[in-house]
Amino acid sequence: EIVRCCAYELAVVLAKESAASLSAVKF
């Protein structure tokens, strides 16, 4: 769960950049 939360934090940072980035990390 610690590693997963790091992945979630990274995904949120990337998703904020653009709709295209959000789509790429939606999974």
PDB file of all heavy atoms in Angstrom:
ATOM      1  N   GLU A   1       0.810  -1.222   0.000  1.00  0.00           N
ATOM      2  CA  GLU A   1       0.000   0.000   0.000  1.00  0.00           C
ATOM      3  C   GLU A   1       0.845   1.275   0.000  1.00  0.00           C
ATOM      4  O   GLU A   1       0.423   2.306  -0.545  1.00  0.00           O
ATOM      5  CB  GLU A   1      -0.965   0.016   1.191  1.00  0.00           C
ATOM      6  CG  GLU A   1      -0.319   0.035   2.563  1.00  0.00           C
ATOM      7  CD  GLU A   1      -0.047  -1.367   3.087  1.00  0.00           C
ATOM      8  OE1 GLU A   1      -0.089  -2.335   2.295  1.00  0.00           O
ATOM      9  OE2 GLU A   1       0.199  -1.495   4.303  1.00  0.00           O
ATOM     10  N   ILE A   2       2.044   1.232   0.581  1.00  0.00           N
ATOM     11  CA  ILE A   2       2.898   2.427   0.587  1.00  0.00           C
ATOM     12  C   ILE A   2       3.348   2.758  -0.828  1.00  0.00           C
ATOM     13  O   ILE A   2       3.299   3.917  -1.263  1.00  0.00           O
ATOM     14  CB  ILE A   2       4.122   2.206   1.502  1.00  0.00           C
ATOM     15  CG1 ILE A   2       3.670   2.042   2.964  1.00  0.00           C
ATOM     16  CG2 ILE A   2       5.099   3.370   1.384  1.00  0.00           C
ATOM     17  CD1 ILE A   2       4.804   1.713   3.913  1.00  0.00           C
ATOM     18  N   VAL A   3       3.766   1.738  -1.566  1.00  0.00           N
ATOM     19  CA  VAL A   3       4.184   1.950  -2.952  1.00  0.00           C
ATOM     20  C   VAL A   3       2.991   2.380  -3.804  1.00  0.00           C
ATOM     21  O   VAL A   3       3.106   3.281  -4.647  1.00  0.00           O
ATOM     22  CB  VAL A   3       4.829   0.677  -3.528  1.00  0.00           C
ATOM     23  CG1 VAL A   3       5.177   0.861  -5.005  1.00  0.00           C
ATOM     24  CG2 VAL A   3       6.075   0.307  -2.729  1.00  0.00           C
ATOM     25  N   ARG A   4       1.844   1.750  -3.586  1.00  0.00           N
ATOM     26  CA  ARG A   4       0.651   2.121  -4.356  1.00  0.00           C
ATOM     27  C   ARG A   4       0.300   3.592  -4.124  1.00  0.00           C
ATOM     28  O   ARG A   4      -0.047   4.321  -5.068  1.00  0.00           O
ATOM     29  CB  ARG A   4      -0.537   1.230  -3.981  1.00  0.00           C
ATOM     30  CG  ARG A   4      -0.343  -0.231  -4.319  1.00  0.00           C
ATOM     31  CD  ARG A   4      -1.665  -0.981  -4.438  1.00  0.00           C
ATOM     32  NE  ARG A   4      -2.490  -0.892  -3.254  1.00  0.00           N
ATOM     33  CZ  ARG A   4      -2.416  -1.694  -2.195  1.00  0.00           C
ATOM     34  NH1 ARG A   4      -1.483  -2.649  -2.160  1.00  0.00           N
ATOM     35  NH2 ARG A   4      -3.237  -1.560  -1.167  1.00  0.00           N
ATOM     36  N   CYS A   5       0.401   4.044  -2.891  1.00  0.00           N
ATOM     37  CA  CYS A   5       0.075   5.448  -2.595  1.00  0.00           C
ATOM     38  C   CYS A   5       1.068   6.394  -3.274  1.00  0.00           C
ATOM     39  O   CYS A   5       0.685   7.489  -3.703  1.00  0.00           O
ATOM     40  CB  CYS A   5       0.052   5.684  -1.086  1.00  0.00           C
ATOM     41  SG  CYS A   5      -1.471   5.089  -0.301  1.00  0.00           S
ATOM     42  N   CYS A   6       2.321   5.979  -3.388  1.00  0.00           N
ATOM     43  CA  CYS A   6       3.287   6.782  -4.146  1.00  0.00           C
ATOM     44  C   CYS A   6       2.857   6.890  -5.610  1.00  0.00           C
ATOM     45  O   CYS A   6       2.957   7.956  -6.234  1.00  0.00           O
ATOM     46  CB  CYS A   6       4.682   6.170  -4.056  1.00  0.00           C
ATOM     47  SG  CYS A   6       5.455   6.305  -2.442  1.00  0.00           S
ATOM     48  N   ALA A   7       2.380   5.770  -6.168  1.00  0.00           N
ATOM     49  CA  ALA A   7       1.897   5.771  -7.556  1.00  0.00           C
ATOM     50  C   ALA A   7       0.677   6.670  -7.694  1.00  0.00           C
ATOM     51  O   ALA A   7       0.541   7.404  -8.683  1.00  0.00           O
ATOM     52  CB  ALA A   7       1.565   4.352  -7.996  1.00  0.00           C
ATOM     53  N   TYR A   8      -0.211   6.650  -6.695  1.00  0.00           N
ATOM     54  CA  TYR A   8      -1.405   7.497  -6.742  1.00  0.00           C
ATOM     55  C   TYR A   8      -1.018   8.983  -6.683  1.00  0.00           C
ATOM     56  O   TYR A   8      -1.572   9.812  -7.410  1.00  0.00           O
ATOM     57  CB  TYR A   8      -2.343   7.177  -5.572  1.00  0.00           C
ATOM     58  CG  TYR A   8      -2.802   5.734  -5.505  1.00  0.00           C
ATOM     59  CD1 TYR A   8      -3.130   5.140  -4.283  1.00  0.00           C
ATOM     60  CD2 TYR A   8      -2.898   4.952  -6.654  1.00  0.00           C
ATOM     61  CE1 TYR A   8      -3.543   3.814  -4.216  1.00  0.00           C
ATOM     62  CE2 TYR A   8      -3.310   3.625  -6.596  1.00  0.00           C
ATOM     63  CZ  TYR A   8      -3.622   3.060  -5.362  1.00  0.00           C
ATOM     64  OH  TYR A   8      -4.031   1.752  -5.291  1.00  0.00           O
ATOM     65  N   GLU A   9      -0.053   9.286  -5.817  1.00  0.00           N
ATOM     66  CA  GLU A   9       0.394  10.684  -5.713  1.00  0.00           C
ATOM     67  C   GLU A   9       0.996  11.156  -7.025  1.00  0.00           C
ATOM     68  O   GLU A   9       0.713  12.271  -7.490  1.00  0.00           O
ATOM     69  CB  GLU A   9       1.425  10.821  -4.586  1.00  0.00           C
ATOM     70  CG  GLU A   9       1.916  12.234  -4.378  1.00  0.00           C
ATOM     71  CD  GLU A   9       2.936  12.354  -3.263  1.00  0.00           C
ATOM     72  OE1 GLU A   9       3.181  11.345  -2.557  1.00  0.00           O
ATOM     73  OE2 GLU A   9       3.492  13.461  -3.091  1.00  0.00           O
ATOM     74  N   LEU A  10       1.804  10.321  -7.647  1.00  0.00           N
ATOM     75  CA  LEU A  10       2.398  10.659  -8.940  1.00  0.00           C
ATOM     76  C   LEU A  10       1.313  10.864  -9.987  1.00  0.00           C
ATOM     77  O   LEU A  10       1.361  11.823 -10.771  1.00  0.00           O
ATOM     78  CB  LEU A  10       3.348   9.541  -9.371  1.00  0.00           C
ATOM     79  CG  LEU A  10       3.924   9.644 -10.789  1.00  0.00           C
ATOM     80  CD1 LEU A  10       4.746  10.915 -10.945  1.00  0.00           C
ATOM     81  CD2 LEU A  10       4.770   8.410 -11.106  1.00  0.00           C
ATOM     82  N   ALA A  11       0.325   9.979 -10.005  1.00  0.00           N
ATOM     83  CA  ALA A  11      -0.744  10.080 -11.001  1.00  0.00           C
ATOM     84  C   ALA A  11      -1.522  11.381 -10.849  1.00  0.00           C
ATOM     85  O   ALA A  11      -1.878  12.027 -11.844  1.00  0.00           O
ATOM     86  CB  ALA A  11      -1.688   8.884 -10.867  1.00  0.00           C
ATOM     87  N   VAL A  12      -1.791  11.796  -9.614  1.00  0.00           N
ATOM     88  CA  VAL A  12      -2.533  13.043  -9.387  1.00  0.00           C
ATOM     89  C   VAL A  12      -1.720  14.237  -9.874  1.00  0.00           C
ATOM     90  O   VAL A  12      -2.257  15.144 -10.530  1.00  0.00           O
ATOM     91  CB  VAL A  12      -2.893  13.192  -7.896  1.00  0.00           C
ATOM     92  CG1 VAL A  12      -3.429  14.597  -7.602  1.00  0.00           C
ATOM     93  CG2 VAL A  12      -3.939  12.149  -7.496  1.00  0.00           C
ATOM     94  N   VAL A  13      -0.426  14.238  -9.580  1.00  0.00           N
ATOM     95  CA  VAL A  13       0.439  15.334 -10.045  1.00  0.00           C
ATOM     96  C   VAL A  13       0.424  15.417 -11.563  1.00  0.00           C
ATOM     97  O   VAL A  13       0.313  16.509 -12.147  1.00  0.00           O
ATOM     98  CB  VAL A  13       1.882  15.127  -9.527  1.00  0.00           C
ATOM     99  CG1 VAL A  13       2.832  16.124 -10.174  1.00  0.00           C
ATOM    100  CG2 VAL A  13       1.937  15.269  -8.011  1.00  0.00           C
ATOM    101  N   LEU A  14       0.534  14.277 -12.231  1.00  0.00           N
ATOM    102  CA  LEU A  14       0.525  14.263 -13.700  1.00  0.00           C
ATOM    103  C   LEU A  14      -0.847  14.632 -14.242  1.00  0.00           C
ATOM    104  O   LEU A  14      -0.962  15.378 -15.228  1.00  0.00           O
ATOM    105  CB  LEU A  14       0.927  12.881 -14.198  1.00  0.00           C
ATOM    106  CG  LEU A  14       2.373  12.460 -13.934  1.00  0.00           C
ATOM    107  CD1 LEU A  14       2.563  10.974 -14.202  1.00  0.00           C
ATOM    108  CD2 LEU A  14       3.334  13.273 -14.793  1.00  0.00           C
ATOM    109  N   ALA A  15      -1.905  14.125 -13.618  1.00  0.00           N
ATOM    110  CA  ALA A  15      -3.267  14.367 -14.103  1.00  0.00           C
ATOM    111  C   ALA A  15      -3.631  15.839 -14.053  1.00  0.00           C
ATOM    112  O   ALA A  15      -4.413  16.322 -14.879  1.00  0.00           O
ATOM    113  CB  ALA A  15      -4.261  13.549 -13.284  1.00  0.00           C
ATOM    114  N   LYS A  16      -3.074  16.575 -13.090  1.00  0.00           N
ATOM    115  CA  LYS A  16      -3.378  18.000 -12.974  1.00  0.00           C
ATOM    116  C   LYS A  16      -2.831  18.800 -14.150  1.00  0.00           C
ATOM    117  O   LYS A  16      -3.329  19.894 -14.444  1.00  0.00           O
ATOM    118  CB  LYS A  16      -2.800  18.548 -11.668  1.00  0.00           C
ATOM    119  CG  LYS A  16      -3.568  18.127 -10.420  1.00  0.00           C
ATOM    120  CD  LYS A  16      -2.826  18.520  -9.154  1.00  0.00           C
ATOM    121  CE  LYS A  16      -2.594  20.009  -9.070  1.00  0.00           C
ATOM    122  NZ  LYS A  16      -1.885  20.386  -7.821  1.00  0.00           N
ATOM    123  N   GLU A  17      -1.802  18.256 -14.820  1.00  0.00           N
ATOM    124  CA  GLU A  17      -1.146  19.005 -15.890  1.00  0.00           C
ATOM    125  C   GLU A  17      -2.068  19.240 -17.079  1.00  0.00           C
ATOM    126  O   GLU A  17      -2.087  20.323 -17.657  1.00  0.00           O
ATOM    127  CB  GLU A  17       0.115  18.260 -16.348  1.00  0.00           C
ATOM    128  CG  GLU A  17       1.228  18.236 -15.322  1.00  0.00           C
ATOM    129  CD  GLU A  17       1.741  19.611 -14.987  1.00  0.00           C
ATOM    130  OE1 GLU A  17       1.940  20.417 -15.912  1.00  0.00           O
ATOM    131  OE2 GLU A  17       1.920  19.899 -13.782  1.00  0.00           O
ATOM    132  N   SER A  18      -2.819  18.227 -17.488  1.00  0.00           N
ATOM    133  CA  SER A  18      -3.683  18.365 -18.661  1.00  0.00           C
ATOM    134  C   SER A  18      -4.675  17.216 -18.705  1.00  0.00           C
ATOM    135  O   SER A  18      -4.481  16.183 -18.055  1.00  0.00           O
ATOM    136  CB  SER A  18      -2.852  18.369 -19.953  1.00  0.00           C
ATOM    137  OG  SER A  18      -2.261  17.089 -20.145  1.00  0.00           O
ATOM    138  N   ALA A  19      -5.720  17.401 -19.514  1.00  0.00           N
ATOM    139  CA  ALA A  19      -6.710  16.339 -19.689  1.00  0.00           C
ATOM    140  C   ALA A  19      -6.074  15.121 -20.350  1.00  0.00           C
ATOM    141  O   ALA A  19      -6.424  13.976 -20.045  1.00  0.00           O
ATOM    142  CB  ALA A  19      -7.876  16.854 -20.527  1.00  0.00           C
ATOM    143  N   ALA A  20      -5.113  15.368 -21.258  1.00  0.00           N
ATOM    144  CA  ALA A  20      -4.442  14.256 -21.939  1.00  0.00           C
ATOM    145  C   ALA A  20      -3.623  13.422 -20.945  1.00  0.00           C
ATOM    146  O   ALA A  20      -3.634  12.194 -20.987  1.00  0.00           O
ATOM    147  CB  ALA A  20      -3.540  14.793 -23.053  1.00  0.00           C
ATOM    148  N   SER A  21      -2.918  14.096 -20.042  1.00  0.00           N
ATOM    149  CA  SER A  21      -2.138  13.379 -19.034  1.00  0.00           C
ATOM    150  C   SER A  21      -3.059  12.603 -18.103  1.00  0.00           C
ATOM    151  O   SER A  21      -2.756  11.466 -17.715  1.00  0.00           O
ATOM    152  CB  SER A  21      -1.279  14.358 -18.232  1.00  0.00           C
ATOM    153  OG  SER A  21      -0.272  14.933 -19.045  1.00  0.00           O
ATOM    154  N   LEU A  22      -4.175  13.213 -17.745  1.00  0.00           N
ATOM    155  CA  LEU A  22      -5.138  12.508 -16.883  1.00  0.00           C
ATOM    156  C   LEU A  22      -5.613  11.232 -17.562  1.00  0.00           C
ATOM    157  O   LEU A  22      -5.702  10.176 -16.932  1.00  0.00           O
ATOM    158  CB  LEU A  22      -6.314  13.416 -16.544  1.00  0.00           C
ATOM    159  CG  LEU A  22      -7.310  12.874 -15.509  1.00  0.00           C
ATOM    160  CD1 LEU A  22      -7.992  14.021 -14.749  1.00  0.00           C
ATOM    161  CD2 LEU A  22      -8.382  11.991 -16.128  1.00  0.00           C
ATOM    162  N   SER A  23      -5.902  11.323 -18.853  1.00  0.00           N
ATOM    163  CA  SER A  23      -6.363  10.149 -19.583  1.00  0.00           C
ATOM    164  C   SER A  23      -5.318   9.035 -19.570  1.00  0.00           C
ATOM    165  O   SER A  23      -5.648   7.854 -19.447  1.00  0.00           O
ATOM    166  CB  SER A  23      -6.693  10.550 -21.028  1.00  0.00           C
ATOM    167  OG  SER A  23      -7.132   9.432 -21.764  1.00  0.00           O
ATOM    168  N   ALA A  24      -4.039   9.428 -19.654  1.00  0.00           N
ATOM    169  CA  ALA A  24      -2.965   8.430 -19.689  1.00  0.00           C
ATOM    170  C   ALA A  24      -2.779   7.724 -18.352  1.00  0.00           C
ATOM    171  O   ALA A  24      -2.321   6.582 -18.314  1.00  0.00           O
ATOM    172  CB  ALA A  24      -1.661   9.094 -20.114  1.00  0.00           C
ATOM    173  N   VAL A  25      -3.117   8.398 -17.252  1.00  0.00           N
ATOM    174  CA  VAL A  25      -2.934   7.784 -15.922  1.00  0.00           C
ATOM    175  C   VAL A  25      -4.266   7.436 -15.269  1.00  0.00           C
ATOM    176  O   VAL A  25      -4.320   7.149 -14.076  1.00  0.00           O
ATOM    177  CB  VAL A  25      -2.113   8.710 -14.982  1.00  0.00           C
ATOM    178  CG1 VAL A  25      -0.722   8.950 -15.530  1.00  0.00           C
ATOM    179  CG2 VAL A  25      -2.837  10.032 -14.747  1.00  0.00           C
ATOM    180  N   LYS A  26      -5.324   7.434 -16.064  1.00  0.00           N
ATOM    181  CA  LYS A  26      -6.663   7.170 -15.517  1.00  0.00           C
ATOM    182  C   LYS A  26      -6.730   5.814 -14.834  1.00  0.00           C
ATOM    183  O   LYS A  26      -7.414   5.645 -13.822  1.00  0.00           O
ATOM    184  CB  LYS A  26      -7.711   7.258 -16.643  1.00  0.00           C
ATOM    185  CG  LYS A  26      -9.153   7.191 -16.155  1.00  0.00           C
ATOM    186  CD  LYS A  26     -10.106   7.676 -17.239  1.00  0.00           C
ATOM    187  CE  LYS A  26     -10.072   6.775 -18.461  1.00  0.00           C
ATOM    188  NZ  LYS A  26     -10.627   5.438 -18.192  1.00  0.00           N
ATOM    189  N   PHE A  27      -5.997   4.841 -15.359  1.00  0.00           N
ATOM    190  CA  PHE A  27      -6.044   3.508 -14.752  1.00  0.00           C
ATOM    191  C   PHE A  27      -5.466   3.524 -13.337  1.00  0.00           C
ATOM    192  O   PHE A  27      -5.887   2.753 -12.476  1.00  0.00           O
ATOM    193  CB  PHE A  27      -5.304   2.493 -15.636  1.00  0.00           C
ATOM    194  CG  PHE A  27      -3.808   2.664 -15.697  1.00  0.00           C
ATOM    195  CD1 PHE A  27      -2.978   1.898 -14.897  1.00  0.00           C
ATOM    196  CD2 PHE A  27      -3.233   3.594 -16.555  1.00  0.00           C
ATOM    197  CE1 PHE A  27      -1.598   2.040 -14.959  1.00  0.00           C
ATOM    198  CE2 PHE A  27      -1.859   3.742 -16.627  1.00  0.00           C
ATOM    199  CZ  PHE A  27      -1.033   2.970 -15.822  1.00  0.00           C
TER     200      PHE A  27
END
